[in-house]
């Protein structure tokens, strides 16, 4: 588990943090290490729980999850704000 210094909102096989400072993200979802389609499914659950206009910052490590999350955002009417490489994979920002 990565430590970001944010308060933990919910945990199970992924870690969900409350974070209002980075790129307007209201939630950071760490699904690094999970194979596709799990990152997409966990993102979908989070998107259902946030308000319109909120942003989720998603840490992923699976290349196919990056592609699938972009397709999910487009098909669901969410906006992909950014996608940046990181040491452990990629970071995506999705806005509901």
Protein backbone atom coordinates (compact mmCIF):
# COMPACT_ATOMS: atom_id res chain seq x y z
CA UNK A 1 0.00 0.00 0.00
CA UNK A 2 1.29 3.45 -0.91
CA UNK A 3 1.14 6.20 1.70
CA UNK A 4 0.00 9.60 0.45
CA UNK A 5 -0.76 11.28 3.75
CA UNK A 6 -4.49 11.48 3.05
CA UNK A 7 -7.21 10.18 5.31
CA UNK A 8 -8.49 6.77 4.30
CA UNK A 9 -12.17 6.82 3.36
CA UNK A 10 -12.68 3.15 2.45
CA UNK A 11 -10.49 0.11 1.97
CA UNK A 12 -10.79 -3.44 0.73
CA UNK A 13 -8.63 -4.88 -2.06
CA UNK A 14 -7.92 -1.30 -3.19
CA UNK A 15 -7.29 1.87 -1.26
CA UNK A 16 -9.49 4.93 -1.58
CA UNK A 17 -8.25 8.24 -0.18
CA UNK A 18 -9.93 11.57 0.38
CA UNK A 19 -7.88 14.22 -1.41
CA UNK A 20 -8.96 17.71 -2.42
CA UNK A 21 -5.59 19.19 -3.37
CA UNK A 22 -4.23 17.50 -6.51
CA UNK A 23 -5.73 18.65 -9.82
CA UNK A 24 -9.07 19.14 -8.12
CA UNK A 25 -9.29 15.41 -7.32
CA UNK A 26 -11.85 14.63 -4.65
CA UNK A 27 -10.88 10.94 -4.51
CA UNK A 28 -7.68 9.02 -5.23
CA UNK A 29 -8.21 5.39 -6.22
CA UNK A 30 -5.14 3.15 -6.08
CA UNK A 31 -5.78 0.07 -8.19
CA UNK A 32 -2.16 -0.49 -9.16
CA UNK A 33 -1.30 -4.16 -9.40
CA UNK A 34 -4.85 -5.21 -10.25
CA UNK A 35 -5.43 -6.78 -13.67
CA UNK A 36 -8.09 -5.52 -16.04
CA UNK A 37 -11.09 -5.37 -15.70
CA UNK A 38 -10.84 -4.79 -11.93
CA UNK A 39 -9.57 -1.17 -12.16
CA UNK A 40 -12.49 -0.31 -14.46
CA UNK A 41 -15.05 -1.99 -12.20
CA UNK A 42 -13.71 -0.26 -9.07
CA UNK A 43 -13.67 3.08 -10.90
CA UNK A 44 -17.26 2.55 -11.97
CA UNK A 45 -18.30 1.95 -8.33
CA UNK A 46 -16.51 5.13 -7.24
CA UNK A 47 -18.06 7.18 -10.04
CA UNK A 48 -21.52 6.10 -8.87
CA UNK A 49 -20.77 7.42 -5.37
CA UNK A 50 -19.52 10.92 -6.26
CA UNK A 51 -21.28 14.08 -7.39
CA UNK A 52 -21.30 15.52 -10.89
CA UNK A 53 -18.19 17.65 -11.34
CA UNK A 54 -16.09 15.64 -8.86
CA UNK A 55 -12.74 14.26 -10.04
CA UNK A 56 -11.19 10.85 -9.34
CA UNK A 57 -7.41 10.42 -9.54
CA UNK A 58 -6.70 6.78 -10.48
CA UNK A 59 -3.35 4.99 -10.07
CA UNK A 60 -3.08 1.99 -12.43
CA UNK A 61 -0.30 -0.35 -13.49
CA UNK A 62 -2.04 -2.45 -16.16
CA UNK A 63 -1.65 -1.14 -19.75
CA UNK A 64 -4.99 -2.61 -20.80
CA UNK A 65 -6.69 -0.89 -17.83
CA UNK A 66 -5.50 2.47 -19.19
CA UNK A 67 -7.17 1.77 -22.52
CA UNK A 68 -10.31 0.37 -20.93
CA UNK A 69 -10.65 3.34 -18.53
CA UNK A 70 -10.45 5.75 -21.47
CA UNK A 71 -13.16 3.76 -23.26
CA UNK A 72 -15.24 3.59 -20.05
CA UNK A 73 -15.03 7.38 -19.60
CA UNK A 74 -16.14 8.00 -23.16
CA UNK A 75 -18.99 5.47 -23.06
CA UNK A 76 -20.22 6.70 -19.65
CA UNK A 77 -20.17 10.39 -20.44
CA UNK A 78 -17.31 11.12 -18.02
CA UNK A 79 -14.39 13.31 -19.02
CA UNK A 80 -10.79 12.09 -19.08
CA UNK A 81 -8.92 15.18 -17.85
CA UNK A 82 -5.39 13.81 -18.05
CA UNK A 83 -3.28 10.65 -18.26
CA UNK A 84 0.34 10.79 -17.07
CA UNK A 85 2.99 8.07 -16.74
CA UNK A 86 4.19 7.34 -13.21
CA UNK A 87 6.90 5.17 -11.65
CA UNK A 88 4.44 2.31 -11.22
CA UNK A 89 2.26 2.76 -14.33
CA UNK A 90 -0.10 5.65 -15.03
CA UNK A 91 -2.22 8.23 -13.27
CA UNK A 92 -5.54 9.19 -14.81
CA UNK A 93 -7.93 11.93 -13.77
CA UNK A 94 -11.62 11.37 -14.56
CA UNK A 95 -14.37 13.90 -13.98
CA UNK A 96 -17.95 12.83 -13.49
